[in-house]
Structures are given as structure tokens and as C-alpha cells.
N, C-alpha and C. Protein backbone atom coordinates (compact mmCIF):
# COMPACT_ATOMS: atom_id res chain seq x y z
N MET A 1 1.72 11.12 -11.69
CA MET A 1 1.72 11.06 -13.14
C MET A 1 2.70 12.09 -13.71
N GLN A 2 2.64 13.34 -13.19
CA GLN A 2 3.53 14.39 -13.67
C GLN A 2 4.98 14.08 -13.33
N THR A 3 5.21 13.53 -12.13
CA THR A 3 6.58 13.17 -11.74
C THR A 3 7.16 12.14 -12.69
N ALA A 4 6.37 11.14 -13.05
CA ALA A 4 6.84 10.13 -14.00
C ALA A 4 7.17 10.76 -15.34
N ALA A 5 6.33 11.69 -15.78
CA ALA A 5 6.58 12.37 -17.06
C ALA A 5 7.85 13.20 -17.00
N ASP A 6 8.07 13.85 -15.86
CA ASP A 6 9.27 14.68 -15.70
C ASP A 6 10.55 13.84 -15.73
N LEU A 7 10.48 12.65 -15.15
CA LEU A 7 11.66 11.77 -15.11
C LEU A 7 11.98 11.17 -16.47
N GLY A 8 10.95 10.98 -17.28
CA GLY A 8 11.15 10.39 -18.60
C GLY A 8 10.80 8.91 -18.60
N HIS A 9 10.30 8.43 -19.73
CA HIS A 9 9.80 7.05 -19.82
C HIS A 9 10.90 6.02 -19.58
N ASP A 10 12.14 6.38 -19.86
CA ASP A 10 13.22 5.41 -19.65
C ASP A 10 13.50 5.17 -18.18
N LYS A 11 12.98 6.08 -17.31
CA LYS A 11 13.21 5.95 -15.87
C LYS A 11 11.94 5.68 -15.07
N ALA A 12 10.81 6.15 -15.55
CA ALA A 12 9.57 6.01 -14.77
C ALA A 12 8.36 6.01 -15.69
N THR A 13 7.36 5.22 -15.31
CA THR A 13 6.10 5.17 -16.04
C THR A 13 4.96 5.13 -15.04
N PHE A 14 3.94 5.94 -15.27
CA PHE A 14 2.76 5.92 -14.40
C PHE A 14 1.79 4.85 -14.88
N LYS A 15 1.26 4.08 -13.93
CA LYS A 15 0.21 3.11 -14.24
C LYS A 15 -0.73 3.03 -13.06
N HIS A 16 -2.00 3.26 -13.30
CA HIS A 16 -2.99 3.23 -12.21
C HIS A 16 -3.13 1.82 -11.65
N CYS A 17 -3.29 1.76 -10.32
CA CYS A 17 -3.43 0.45 -9.66
C CYS A 17 -4.23 0.61 -8.38
N ASP A 18 -5.27 -0.20 -8.21
CA ASP A 18 -6.00 -0.30 -6.95
C ASP A 18 -5.43 -1.51 -6.22
N VAL A 19 -4.63 -1.26 -5.18
CA VAL A 19 -3.91 -2.36 -4.52
C VAL A 19 -4.84 -3.35 -3.84
N SER A 20 -6.08 -2.95 -3.58
CA SER A 20 -7.01 -3.88 -2.95
C SER A 20 -7.50 -4.95 -3.92
N ILE A 21 -7.24 -4.74 -5.21
CA ILE A 21 -7.62 -5.70 -6.25
C ILE A 21 -6.37 -6.46 -6.68
N GLU A 22 -6.32 -7.73 -6.40
CA GLU A 22 -5.10 -8.51 -6.64
C GLU A 22 -4.66 -8.47 -8.10
N THR A 23 -5.61 -8.57 -9.03
CA THR A 23 -5.23 -8.59 -10.44
C THR A 23 -4.62 -7.27 -10.87
N ASP A 24 -5.01 -6.16 -10.25
CA ASP A 24 -4.39 -4.86 -10.56
C ASP A 24 -2.90 -4.88 -10.21
N VAL A 25 -2.60 -5.40 -9.03
CA VAL A 25 -1.20 -5.47 -8.59
C VAL A 25 -0.41 -6.42 -9.48
N GLU A 26 -1.00 -7.55 -9.79
CA GLU A 26 -0.34 -8.52 -10.67
C GLU A 26 -0.05 -7.90 -12.04
N ASP A 27 -1.01 -7.12 -12.55
CA ASP A 27 -0.84 -6.48 -13.86
C ASP A 27 0.27 -5.44 -13.83
N VAL A 28 0.35 -4.66 -12.74
CA VAL A 28 1.39 -3.64 -12.63
C VAL A 28 2.78 -4.27 -12.64
N ILE A 29 2.93 -5.37 -11.92
CA ILE A 29 4.24 -6.04 -11.87
C ILE A 29 4.58 -6.65 -13.23
N ALA A 30 3.61 -7.25 -13.89
CA ALA A 30 3.84 -7.80 -15.23
C ALA A 30 4.21 -6.69 -16.20
N PHE A 31 3.53 -5.54 -16.09
CA PHE A 31 3.83 -4.38 -16.93
C PHE A 31 5.26 -3.89 -16.70
N THR A 32 5.67 -3.87 -15.45
CA THR A 32 7.03 -3.43 -15.11
C THR A 32 8.07 -4.34 -15.75
N VAL A 33 7.84 -5.64 -15.66
CA VAL A 33 8.79 -6.60 -16.23
C VAL A 33 8.83 -6.47 -17.75
N ARG A 34 7.66 -6.28 -18.37
CA ARG A 34 7.62 -6.11 -19.83
C ARG A 34 8.35 -4.84 -20.25
N THR A 35 8.20 -3.79 -19.46
CA THR A 35 8.74 -2.49 -19.84
C THR A 35 10.23 -2.36 -19.54
N TYR A 36 10.64 -2.87 -18.37
CA TYR A 36 12.01 -2.65 -17.92
C TYR A 36 12.84 -3.93 -17.79
N GLY A 37 12.24 -5.06 -18.10
CA GLY A 37 13.00 -6.30 -18.15
C GLY A 37 12.97 -7.15 -16.90
N LYS A 38 12.83 -6.53 -15.74
CA LYS A 38 12.81 -7.27 -14.48
C LYS A 38 12.32 -6.36 -13.36
N LEU A 39 12.05 -6.98 -12.21
CA LEU A 39 11.66 -6.24 -11.01
C LEU A 39 12.70 -6.50 -9.93
N ASP A 40 13.43 -5.47 -9.55
CA ASP A 40 14.44 -5.59 -8.50
C ASP A 40 13.93 -5.13 -7.15
N ILE A 41 13.05 -4.12 -7.16
CA ILE A 41 12.62 -3.47 -5.92
C ILE A 41 11.11 -3.28 -5.96
N MET A 42 10.45 -3.57 -4.85
CA MET A 42 9.02 -3.30 -4.71
C MET A 42 8.82 -2.44 -3.48
N PHE A 43 8.29 -1.24 -3.67
CA PHE A 43 7.95 -0.37 -2.55
C PHE A 43 6.44 -0.30 -2.47
N SER A 44 5.86 -0.97 -1.49
CA SER A 44 4.41 -1.00 -1.32
C SER A 44 4.01 0.08 -0.33
N ASN A 45 3.48 1.18 -0.84
CA ASN A 45 3.32 2.40 -0.06
C ASN A 45 1.87 2.86 0.06
N ALA A 46 0.93 2.21 -0.62
CA ALA A 46 -0.45 2.66 -0.61
C ALA A 46 -1.08 2.43 0.76
N GLY A 47 -1.91 3.39 1.20
CA GLY A 47 -2.58 3.24 2.48
C GLY A 47 -3.67 4.27 2.66
N VAL A 48 -4.65 3.95 3.50
CA VAL A 48 -5.76 4.86 3.80
C VAL A 48 -6.01 4.86 5.30
N TRP A 49 -6.61 5.94 5.78
CA TRP A 49 -7.03 6.02 7.19
C TRP A 49 -8.40 5.40 7.37
N GLY A 50 -9.25 5.57 6.37
CA GLY A 50 -10.62 5.10 6.47
C GLY A 50 -11.56 6.18 5.99
N ARG A 51 -12.77 5.78 5.66
CA ARG A 51 -13.74 6.74 5.13
C ARG A 51 -14.41 7.55 6.23
N THR A 52 -14.55 6.96 7.41
CA THR A 52 -15.25 7.65 8.50
C THR A 52 -14.32 8.09 9.61
N ILE A 53 -13.10 7.60 9.65
CA ILE A 53 -12.10 7.94 10.67
C ILE A 53 -12.60 7.63 12.08
N ALA A 54 -13.39 6.55 12.24
CA ALA A 54 -13.86 6.15 13.57
C ALA A 54 -12.70 5.56 14.36
N LYS A 55 -12.42 6.14 15.53
CA LYS A 55 -11.24 5.68 16.27
C LYS A 55 -11.55 4.60 17.29
N ASN A 56 -12.81 4.48 17.72
CA ASN A 56 -13.15 3.61 18.83
C ASN A 56 -13.65 2.25 18.35
N VAL A 57 -13.12 1.18 18.93
CA VAL A 57 -13.52 -0.16 18.51
C VAL A 57 -15.00 -0.42 18.80
N ALA A 58 -15.56 0.28 19.77
CA ALA A 58 -16.97 0.07 20.12
C ALA A 58 -17.92 0.72 19.12
N THR A 59 -17.40 1.62 18.30
CA THR A 59 -18.26 2.33 17.35
C THR A 59 -17.84 2.17 15.90
N VAL A 60 -16.74 1.49 15.65
CA VAL A 60 -16.24 1.38 14.28
C VAL A 60 -17.22 0.61 13.41
N GLY A 61 -17.45 1.11 12.20
CA GLY A 61 -18.29 0.41 11.25
C GLY A 61 -17.50 -0.68 10.55
N MET A 62 -18.05 -1.86 10.45
CA MET A 62 -17.30 -2.96 9.88
C MET A 62 -17.05 -2.78 8.38
N GLU A 63 -17.93 -2.07 7.71
CA GLU A 63 -17.68 -1.80 6.29
C GLU A 63 -16.43 -0.96 6.12
N ASP A 64 -16.29 0.06 6.97
CA ASP A 64 -15.10 0.90 6.90
C ASP A 64 -13.86 0.13 7.34
N PHE A 65 -13.99 -0.68 8.39
CA PHE A 65 -12.87 -1.48 8.87
C PHE A 65 -12.36 -2.40 7.76
N THR A 66 -13.30 -3.04 7.06
CA THR A 66 -12.94 -3.94 5.97
C THR A 66 -12.26 -3.19 4.83
N HIS A 67 -12.74 -1.97 4.56
CA HIS A 67 -12.12 -1.16 3.50
C HIS A 67 -10.67 -0.85 3.83
N VAL A 68 -10.41 -0.43 5.07
CA VAL A 68 -9.04 -0.11 5.48
C VAL A 68 -8.15 -1.34 5.37
N MET A 69 -8.64 -2.47 5.84
CA MET A 69 -7.83 -3.69 5.78
C MET A 69 -7.59 -4.13 4.33
N SER A 70 -8.57 -3.92 3.46
CA SER A 70 -8.40 -4.34 2.06
C SER A 70 -7.29 -3.57 1.37
N VAL A 71 -7.11 -2.30 1.74
CA VAL A 71 -6.05 -1.50 1.14
C VAL A 71 -4.73 -1.69 1.90
N ASN A 72 -4.78 -1.46 3.22
CA ASN A 72 -3.54 -1.41 4.00
C ASN A 72 -2.90 -2.78 4.24
N LEU A 73 -3.70 -3.82 4.35
CA LEU A 73 -3.15 -5.15 4.59
C LEU A 73 -3.21 -6.05 3.36
N HIS A 74 -4.41 -6.21 2.80
CA HIS A 74 -4.53 -7.07 1.62
C HIS A 74 -3.66 -6.53 0.48
N GLY A 75 -3.59 -5.20 0.36
CA GLY A 75 -2.74 -4.61 -0.67
C GLY A 75 -1.28 -4.99 -0.49
N MET A 76 -0.83 -5.06 0.77
CA MET A 76 0.55 -5.47 1.05
C MET A 76 0.76 -6.94 0.70
N VAL A 77 -0.22 -7.77 1.01
CA VAL A 77 -0.13 -9.20 0.67
C VAL A 77 -0.01 -9.35 -0.85
N HIS A 78 -0.86 -8.63 -1.58
CA HIS A 78 -0.81 -8.71 -3.04
C HIS A 78 0.57 -8.29 -3.57
N ALA A 79 1.11 -7.21 -3.01
CA ALA A 79 2.40 -6.71 -3.47
C ALA A 79 3.52 -7.70 -3.20
N ILE A 80 3.58 -8.20 -1.96
CA ILE A 80 4.65 -9.14 -1.61
C ILE A 80 4.51 -10.44 -2.40
N LYS A 81 3.28 -10.92 -2.52
CA LYS A 81 3.04 -12.18 -3.24
C LYS A 81 3.54 -12.11 -4.67
N HIS A 82 3.11 -11.10 -5.40
CA HIS A 82 3.42 -11.06 -6.83
C HIS A 82 4.82 -10.51 -7.11
N ALA A 83 5.32 -9.62 -6.26
CA ALA A 83 6.70 -9.15 -6.43
C ALA A 83 7.68 -10.30 -6.19
N SER A 84 7.46 -11.04 -5.11
CA SER A 84 8.39 -12.14 -4.81
C SER A 84 8.31 -13.23 -5.87
N LYS A 85 7.12 -13.48 -6.39
CA LYS A 85 6.97 -14.48 -7.46
C LYS A 85 7.78 -14.07 -8.68
N SER A 86 7.68 -12.79 -9.06
CA SER A 86 8.43 -12.29 -10.21
C SER A 86 9.93 -12.37 -9.97
N MET A 87 10.35 -11.98 -8.77
CA MET A 87 11.78 -12.02 -8.45
C MET A 87 12.33 -13.44 -8.49
N MET A 88 11.58 -14.38 -7.93
CA MET A 88 12.05 -15.77 -7.92
C MET A 88 12.11 -16.35 -9.33
N GLU A 89 11.12 -16.02 -10.16
CA GLU A 89 11.11 -16.53 -11.53
C GLU A 89 12.32 -16.04 -12.33
N CYS A 90 12.80 -14.84 -11.99
CA CYS A 90 13.94 -14.25 -12.71
C CYS A 90 15.25 -14.37 -11.93
N SER A 91 15.21 -15.11 -10.81
CA SER A 91 16.40 -15.28 -9.95
C SER A 91 16.97 -13.94 -9.50
N ILE A 92 16.06 -13.02 -9.14
CA ILE A 92 16.45 -11.69 -8.67
C ILE A 92 16.53 -11.70 -7.15
N LYS A 93 17.64 -11.28 -6.61
CA LYS A 93 17.78 -11.11 -5.16
C LYS A 93 17.34 -9.68 -4.84
N GLY A 94 16.03 -9.53 -4.70
CA GLY A 94 15.44 -8.21 -4.62
C GLY A 94 15.15 -7.72 -3.22
N SER A 95 14.58 -6.53 -3.18
CA SER A 95 14.21 -5.89 -1.91
C SER A 95 12.75 -5.46 -1.98
N ILE A 96 11.97 -5.86 -0.98
CA ILE A 96 10.57 -5.46 -0.87
C ILE A 96 10.43 -4.60 0.38
N ILE A 97 9.87 -3.42 0.21
CA ILE A 97 9.73 -2.48 1.33
C ILE A 97 8.26 -2.15 1.48
N CYS A 98 7.73 -2.28 2.69
CA CYS A 98 6.32 -1.99 2.98
C CYS A 98 6.23 -0.80 3.93
N THR A 99 5.27 0.07 3.69
CA THR A 99 5.04 1.19 4.59
C THR A 99 4.08 0.77 5.69
N ALA A 100 4.58 0.72 6.91
CA ALA A 100 3.72 0.54 8.08
C ALA A 100 3.48 1.94 8.66
N SER A 101 3.71 2.13 9.93
CA SER A 101 3.48 3.43 10.57
C SER A 101 3.98 3.34 12.00
N VAL A 102 4.24 4.50 12.59
CA VAL A 102 4.56 4.50 14.01
C VAL A 102 3.40 3.90 14.80
N ALA A 103 2.20 3.91 14.19
CA ALA A 103 1.03 3.28 14.82
C ALA A 103 1.21 1.77 14.95
N SER A 104 2.16 1.20 14.22
CA SER A 104 2.42 -0.25 14.34
C SER A 104 3.20 -0.58 15.60
N THR A 105 3.72 0.43 16.28
CA THR A 105 4.53 0.22 17.48
C THR A 105 3.79 0.59 18.75
N LEU A 106 2.60 1.18 18.61
CA LEU A 106 1.87 1.72 19.76
C LEU A 106 0.42 1.25 19.75
N GLY A 107 -0.25 1.46 20.87
CA GLY A 107 -1.68 1.26 20.96
C GLY A 107 -2.35 2.58 21.26
N ASP A 108 -2.04 3.59 20.48
CA ASP A 108 -2.52 4.96 20.70
C ASP A 108 -4.02 5.04 20.43
N GLY A 109 -4.81 5.29 21.46
CA GLY A 109 -6.25 5.32 21.32
C GLY A 109 -6.78 6.47 20.51
N SER A 110 -5.94 7.46 20.21
CA SER A 110 -6.39 8.60 19.40
C SER A 110 -6.32 8.31 17.91
N ILE A 111 -5.70 7.19 17.54
CA ILE A 111 -5.58 6.82 16.13
C ILE A 111 -6.71 5.85 15.77
N PRO A 112 -7.34 6.00 14.62
CA PRO A 112 -8.44 5.11 14.24
C PRO A 112 -8.06 3.64 14.38
N ILE A 113 -8.95 2.85 14.99
CA ILE A 113 -8.65 1.47 15.34
C ILE A 113 -8.36 0.62 14.10
N ALA A 114 -9.04 0.90 13.00
CA ALA A 114 -8.80 0.12 11.79
C ALA A 114 -7.39 0.37 11.26
N TYR A 115 -6.95 1.62 11.32
CA TYR A 115 -5.61 1.97 10.84
C TYR A 115 -4.55 1.31 11.71
N THR A 116 -4.70 1.41 13.03
CA THR A 116 -3.73 0.80 13.95
C THR A 116 -3.65 -0.71 13.72
N THR A 117 -4.79 -1.35 13.59
CA THR A 117 -4.83 -2.80 13.37
C THR A 117 -4.11 -3.18 12.08
N SER A 118 -4.38 -2.43 11.02
CA SER A 118 -3.79 -2.75 9.72
C SER A 118 -2.27 -2.60 9.74
N LYS A 119 -1.77 -1.62 10.48
CA LYS A 119 -0.32 -1.39 10.50
C LYS A 119 0.41 -2.40 11.39
N HIS A 120 -0.20 -2.81 12.49
CA HIS A 120 0.38 -3.91 13.28
C HIS A 120 0.44 -5.18 12.43
N ALA A 121 -0.64 -5.44 11.68
CA ALA A 121 -0.68 -6.63 10.83
C ALA A 121 0.35 -6.57 9.72
N THR A 122 0.62 -5.37 9.21
CA THR A 122 1.62 -5.22 8.16
C THR A 122 3.00 -5.65 8.64
N VAL A 123 3.34 -5.29 9.87
CA VAL A 123 4.64 -5.68 10.42
C VAL A 123 4.71 -7.20 10.59
N GLY A 124 3.64 -7.81 11.05
CA GLY A 124 3.62 -9.27 11.17
C GLY A 124 3.75 -9.95 9.83
N LEU A 125 3.06 -9.42 8.83
CA LEU A 125 3.17 -9.95 7.47
C LEU A 125 4.60 -9.85 6.97
N MET A 126 5.22 -8.70 7.18
CA MET A 126 6.60 -8.50 6.73
C MET A 126 7.54 -9.51 7.37
N ARG A 127 7.41 -9.73 8.66
CA ARG A 127 8.32 -10.65 9.36
C ARG A 127 8.15 -12.08 8.85
N GLY A 128 6.90 -12.49 8.66
CA GLY A 128 6.67 -13.83 8.12
C GLY A 128 7.22 -13.97 6.72
N ALA A 129 7.00 -12.96 5.88
CA ALA A 129 7.48 -13.00 4.51
C ALA A 129 9.01 -13.00 4.46
N ALA A 130 9.63 -12.20 5.33
CA ALA A 130 11.10 -12.14 5.36
C ALA A 130 11.69 -13.50 5.69
N SER A 131 11.07 -14.20 6.63
CA SER A 131 11.59 -15.51 7.03
C SER A 131 11.42 -16.55 5.93
N GLN A 132 10.39 -16.38 5.10
CA GLN A 132 10.14 -17.34 4.02
C GLN A 132 10.93 -17.04 2.75
N LEU A 133 11.17 -15.76 2.48
CA LEU A 133 11.79 -15.37 1.21
C LEU A 133 13.30 -15.19 1.31
N GLY A 134 13.82 -15.13 2.53
CA GLY A 134 15.25 -14.93 2.70
C GLY A 134 16.09 -15.99 2.01
N MET A 135 15.62 -17.22 1.98
CA MET A 135 16.37 -18.31 1.34
C MET A 135 16.51 -18.10 -0.16
N HIS A 136 15.66 -17.22 -0.72
CA HIS A 136 15.73 -16.91 -2.14
C HIS A 136 16.51 -15.62 -2.40
N GLY A 137 17.09 -15.07 -1.34
CA GLY A 137 17.85 -13.84 -1.48
C GLY A 137 16.99 -12.60 -1.56
N ILE A 138 15.72 -12.72 -1.19
CA ILE A 138 14.79 -11.58 -1.23
C ILE A 138 14.61 -11.04 0.18
N ARG A 139 14.88 -9.76 0.35
CA ARG A 139 14.72 -9.12 1.65
C ARG A 139 13.37 -8.42 1.72
N VAL A 140 12.75 -8.46 2.90
CA VAL A 140 11.47 -7.78 3.12
C VAL A 140 11.59 -6.98 4.41
N ASN A 141 11.34 -5.69 4.33
CA ASN A 141 11.42 -4.81 5.49
C ASN A 141 10.26 -3.83 5.50
N CYS A 142 10.04 -3.22 6.65
CA CYS A 142 9.04 -2.16 6.80
C CYS A 142 9.71 -0.86 7.19
N ILE A 143 9.07 0.24 6.79
CA ILE A 143 9.36 1.53 7.39
C ILE A 143 8.13 1.95 8.17
N SER A 144 8.35 2.61 9.30
CA SER A 144 7.25 3.08 10.13
C SER A 144 7.43 4.57 10.42
N PRO A 145 6.96 5.42 9.52
CA PRO A 145 7.11 6.86 9.72
C PRO A 145 6.14 7.38 10.78
N GLY A 146 6.57 8.46 11.43
CA GLY A 146 5.66 9.24 12.25
C GLY A 146 4.93 10.23 11.35
N GLY A 147 4.41 11.29 11.95
CA GLY A 147 3.69 12.29 11.16
C GLY A 147 4.57 12.89 10.08
N THR A 148 4.09 12.84 8.86
CA THR A 148 4.87 13.31 7.72
C THR A 148 4.11 14.42 7.00
N HIS A 149 4.84 15.42 6.59
CA HIS A 149 4.27 16.63 6.00
C HIS A 149 3.72 16.32 4.61
N THR A 150 2.46 15.86 4.58
CA THR A 150 1.78 15.58 3.32
C THR A 150 0.41 16.24 3.35
N PRO A 151 -0.17 16.52 2.19
CA PRO A 151 -1.52 17.10 2.15
C PRO A 151 -2.54 16.24 2.87
N LEU A 152 -2.41 14.90 2.77
CA LEU A 152 -3.36 14.00 3.43
C LEU A 152 -3.34 14.18 4.94
N LEU A 153 -2.15 14.22 5.54
CA LEU A 153 -2.06 14.36 6.99
C LEU A 153 -2.61 15.70 7.44
N HIS A 154 -2.30 16.77 6.73
CA HIS A 154 -2.81 18.09 7.09
C HIS A 154 -4.34 18.10 7.04
N THR A 155 -4.90 17.54 5.99
CA THR A 155 -6.35 17.51 5.86
C THR A 155 -7.00 16.73 6.98
N LEU A 156 -6.45 15.55 7.28
CA LEU A 156 -7.03 14.70 8.32
C LEU A 156 -6.96 15.35 9.68
N LEU A 157 -5.79 15.85 10.05
CA LEU A 157 -5.63 16.41 11.39
C LEU A 157 -6.43 17.70 11.56
N ASN A 158 -6.46 18.53 10.55
CA ASN A 158 -7.20 19.78 10.65
C ASN A 158 -8.70 19.55 10.65
N GLN A 159 -9.15 18.55 9.88
CA GLN A 159 -10.58 18.28 9.77
C GLN A 159 -11.14 17.54 10.97
N PHE A 160 -10.34 16.63 11.54
CA PHE A 160 -10.86 15.74 12.57
C PHE A 160 -10.26 15.96 13.95
N SER A 161 -9.43 16.99 14.13
CA SER A 161 -8.73 17.15 15.41
C SER A 161 -9.70 17.32 16.58
N ASN A 162 -10.79 18.04 16.39
CA ASN A 162 -11.72 18.26 17.50
C ASN A 162 -12.54 17.01 17.81
N SER A 163 -13.10 16.37 16.78
CA SER A 163 -13.98 15.24 17.02
C SER A 163 -13.25 13.99 17.46
N LEU A 164 -11.98 13.83 17.07
CA LEU A 164 -11.25 12.62 17.39
C LEU A 164 -10.22 12.78 18.49
N GLY A 165 -9.99 14.01 18.91
CA GLY A 165 -9.00 14.21 19.95
C GLY A 165 -7.59 14.23 19.45
N PHE A 166 -7.39 14.37 18.14
CA PHE A 166 -6.04 14.53 17.61
C PHE A 166 -5.47 15.86 18.07
N PRO A 167 -4.17 15.95 18.26
CA PRO A 167 -3.56 17.23 18.56
C PRO A 167 -3.60 18.12 17.33
N PRO A 168 -3.45 19.43 17.50
CA PRO A 168 -3.37 20.31 16.34
C PRO A 168 -2.21 19.90 15.45
N ILE A 169 -2.29 20.27 14.19
CA ILE A 169 -1.28 19.85 13.23
C ILE A 169 0.12 20.25 13.65
N GLU A 170 0.25 21.42 14.27
CA GLU A 170 1.60 21.89 14.59
C GLU A 170 2.23 21.13 15.75
N SER A 171 1.44 20.36 16.50
CA SER A 171 2.01 19.60 17.61
C SER A 171 1.81 18.10 17.45
N ALA A 172 1.69 17.67 16.20
CA ALA A 172 1.40 16.26 15.94
C ALA A 172 2.59 15.35 16.19
N THR A 173 3.80 15.89 16.19
CA THR A 173 4.98 15.06 16.41
C THR A 173 5.93 15.73 17.38
N LEU A 174 6.94 15.01 17.76
CA LEU A 174 7.93 15.48 18.72
C LEU A 174 8.52 16.83 18.31
N LYS A 175 8.65 17.73 19.28
CA LYS A 175 9.24 19.05 19.07
C LYS A 175 8.52 19.84 17.98
N ASP A 176 7.21 19.60 17.84
CA ASP A 176 6.41 20.30 16.83
C ASP A 176 7.00 20.14 15.43
N LEU A 177 7.60 19.00 15.15
CA LEU A 177 8.30 18.81 13.89
C LEU A 177 7.69 17.66 13.10
N LEU A 178 7.18 17.98 11.92
CA LEU A 178 6.72 16.93 11.01
C LEU A 178 7.87 16.48 10.14
N LEU A 179 7.91 15.21 9.83
CA LEU A 179 8.89 14.70 8.88
C LEU A 179 8.59 15.25 7.50
N SER A 180 9.60 15.38 6.69
CA SER A 180 9.39 15.71 5.28
C SER A 180 9.35 14.40 4.50
N PRO A 181 8.66 14.37 3.36
CA PRO A 181 8.66 13.15 2.55
C PRO A 181 10.07 12.68 2.21
N SER A 182 11.00 13.61 2.04
CA SER A 182 12.37 13.21 1.70
C SER A 182 13.05 12.48 2.85
N ASP A 183 12.67 12.80 4.10
CA ASP A 183 13.22 12.07 5.25
C ASP A 183 12.89 10.58 5.14
N VAL A 184 11.68 10.31 4.74
CA VAL A 184 11.22 8.92 4.60
C VAL A 184 11.82 8.28 3.35
N ALA A 185 11.84 9.04 2.26
CA ALA A 185 12.34 8.50 0.99
C ALA A 185 13.80 8.05 1.08
N LYS A 186 14.60 8.77 1.86
CA LYS A 186 16.01 8.41 2.00
C LYS A 186 16.18 7.04 2.66
N VAL A 187 15.31 6.74 3.62
CA VAL A 187 15.37 5.43 4.28
C VAL A 187 14.93 4.34 3.31
N VAL A 188 13.89 4.63 2.53
CA VAL A 188 13.43 3.66 1.53
C VAL A 188 14.54 3.36 0.53
N CYS A 189 15.21 4.41 0.07
CA CYS A 189 16.31 4.21 -0.90
C CYS A 189 17.43 3.37 -0.29
N PHE A 190 17.70 3.58 0.99
CA PHE A 190 18.72 2.77 1.67
C PHE A 190 18.31 1.30 1.70
N LEU A 191 17.06 1.03 2.07
CA LEU A 191 16.58 -0.35 2.14
C LEU A 191 16.52 -1.00 0.76
N ALA A 192 16.34 -0.19 -0.27
CA ALA A 192 16.30 -0.72 -1.63
C ALA A 192 17.69 -1.02 -2.17
N SER A 193 18.71 -0.43 -1.57
CA SER A 193 20.07 -0.53 -2.10
C SER A 193 20.83 -1.70 -1.50
N ASP A 194 21.97 -2.01 -2.11
CA ASP A 194 22.85 -3.06 -1.60
C ASP A 194 23.52 -2.67 -0.29
N ASP A 195 23.49 -1.38 0.06
CA ASP A 195 24.07 -0.95 1.33
C ASP A 195 23.34 -1.57 2.52
N SER A 196 22.10 -2.00 2.32
CA SER A 196 21.31 -2.61 3.40
C SER A 196 21.20 -4.12 3.22
N ALA A 197 22.18 -4.71 2.54
CA ALA A 197 22.11 -6.14 2.21
C ALA A 197 21.95 -7.04 3.42
N ALA A 198 22.41 -6.60 4.58
CA ALA A 198 22.33 -7.42 5.80
C ALA A 198 21.06 -7.16 6.60
N ILE A 199 20.18 -6.30 6.11
CA ILE A 199 18.96 -5.96 6.84
C ILE A 199 17.78 -6.68 6.21
N ASN A 200 17.14 -7.55 6.99
CA ASN A 200 15.99 -8.31 6.53
C ASN A 200 15.07 -8.56 7.72
N GLY A 201 13.77 -8.38 7.53
CA GLY A 201 12.81 -8.60 8.61
C GLY A 201 12.78 -7.49 9.63
N ALA A 202 13.20 -6.28 9.24
CA ALA A 202 13.28 -5.17 10.19
C ALA A 202 12.14 -4.18 9.98
N ASN A 203 11.72 -3.56 11.07
CA ASN A 203 10.76 -2.46 11.01
C ASN A 203 11.50 -1.20 11.43
N ILE A 204 11.84 -0.36 10.46
CA ILE A 204 12.63 0.84 10.71
C ILE A 204 11.69 1.99 11.07
N VAL A 205 11.78 2.45 12.31
CA VAL A 205 10.93 3.55 12.78
C VAL A 205 11.59 4.88 12.46
N ILE A 206 10.83 5.78 11.84
CA ILE A 206 11.32 7.11 11.44
C ILE A 206 10.36 8.12 12.07
N ASP A 207 10.66 8.59 13.27
CA ASP A 207 9.62 9.34 13.99
C ASP A 207 10.13 10.43 14.92
N GLU A 208 11.40 10.84 14.78
CA GLU A 208 11.93 11.88 15.67
C GLU A 208 11.78 11.48 17.14
N ALA A 209 11.97 10.21 17.45
CA ALA A 209 11.95 9.66 18.81
C ALA A 209 10.57 9.70 19.47
N TYR A 210 9.52 9.88 18.67
CA TYR A 210 8.17 9.90 19.24
C TYR A 210 7.86 8.61 19.99
N PHE A 211 8.15 7.45 19.35
CA PHE A 211 7.88 6.17 19.99
C PHE A 211 8.67 6.03 21.28
N THR A 212 9.93 6.40 21.27
CA THR A 212 10.78 6.27 22.45
C THR A 212 10.22 7.05 23.63
N LEU A 213 9.70 8.23 23.36
CA LEU A 213 9.17 9.06 24.44
C LEU A 213 7.84 8.54 24.98
N GLN A 214 7.19 7.62 24.26
CA GLN A 214 5.94 7.05 24.76
C GLN A 214 6.18 5.86 25.69
N LEU A 215 7.43 5.35 25.72
CA LEU A 215 7.73 4.20 26.56
C LEU A 215 7.70 4.58 28.03
N PRO A 216 7.16 3.70 28.89
CA PRO A 216 7.13 4.01 30.33
C PRO A 216 8.53 4.09 30.91
N MET A 217 8.72 5.02 31.80
CA MET A 217 10.03 5.22 32.43
C MET A 217 10.17 4.27 33.63
């Protein structure tokens, strides 16, 4: 909210949205078109780990699993559905970017099963959407960040490292290095720009080679 205020109303406006509720997402996109005339770019970035952070499929609560999927997957469906509809109605050759995770590339048992499932599904959704929307000039891609220096990640890893077997916060990523939000934002800006016009249906991993080092030799 403060960031939007700092940028100024001509550049940014804050509007609350629960992505798990389809009408909320539809309203945000309609508001954007009313305010700024059109929708060129959709960055679907909302996501949760879960309320209980249960990592094991044998013990996961289905209520929590459903909650994670409603935000991380259904929210992405809502965003792509209504963003692409708006773009097609206005003949906009737009860019839709979805946040997956390095968890979408691995089967890491230390990561909550609901989160891993939702991020694998996000990549599948993106690929299907890219193949369907490309004929309209709309590109759909994913970013898959590794551990990123955010208050949420610090809280989760510090709070649950012992019970879930997560590594300490300082060793959560390769070379004890967490990504900065700006590392991720730069890739998003690239995918949103015309410089990435030839990139569609891609899952861009941003993880300091963490995924590469997990591959069997």
C-alpha cells in the first residue's frame, strides 16, 4: 500500500484481492482497465506455504492442503483466465507471469507436500495456457525462485527448522546465499518486456544453481 502511494496514483494503485476468490481477481482486472485503460502485463505472485506446514503426505490435513491449492493454484487459474480474457477483448499482445518455485523442479521431501504439489501444478498450468494463448499473441511464463530474502521465508525457516528438518536460514540456499527480491524482480521485468518476445511457455529458474546441484551425477 505504501509503495503504491510512494509511486503515485498515475503509476500504481493498491487494491485488496483474495486470489482464491475468482470474483476478487476479476474485479481487480476490471479496476485496472477502468483506471489505466488496458491490461498489458499480469504478474500473478500470491502464494502461501500452508497454515500447518505439514510436510509429509501421510500426515497432511486435507483442509490445509485445499487451502494451499486454492491460493497457489486456483489463484493462478483465476489470474490467467481473466487477464487473458481482458487482453483478448482489447487485442493486447500481453505477458502473463506466474510465480512457481524451485520446488516445482524437485521432489524435496523437506518442503511441505501441499506447497510442492501446487508449484508443480502451476508449471503445468502455465504450459497449457501458453500453448492455448500464443495464437492470440499472449505469452505465459513462470519464474521459479529459490530461497529469497523475505520476512516470510525468515519466519518460516526459523520457526519450523527443527520440527520439519529445514536447514538453518543461513544455509537455505547454495553458498549460504539467499536471493534478494530485486534478483527476482529483474527477471519478472524482463519477461514483462518486449525483450523477451520470443520466450513463451518457459519456467525460468532463479536459484543460484541449487537445482543443478541436486541432479544426480
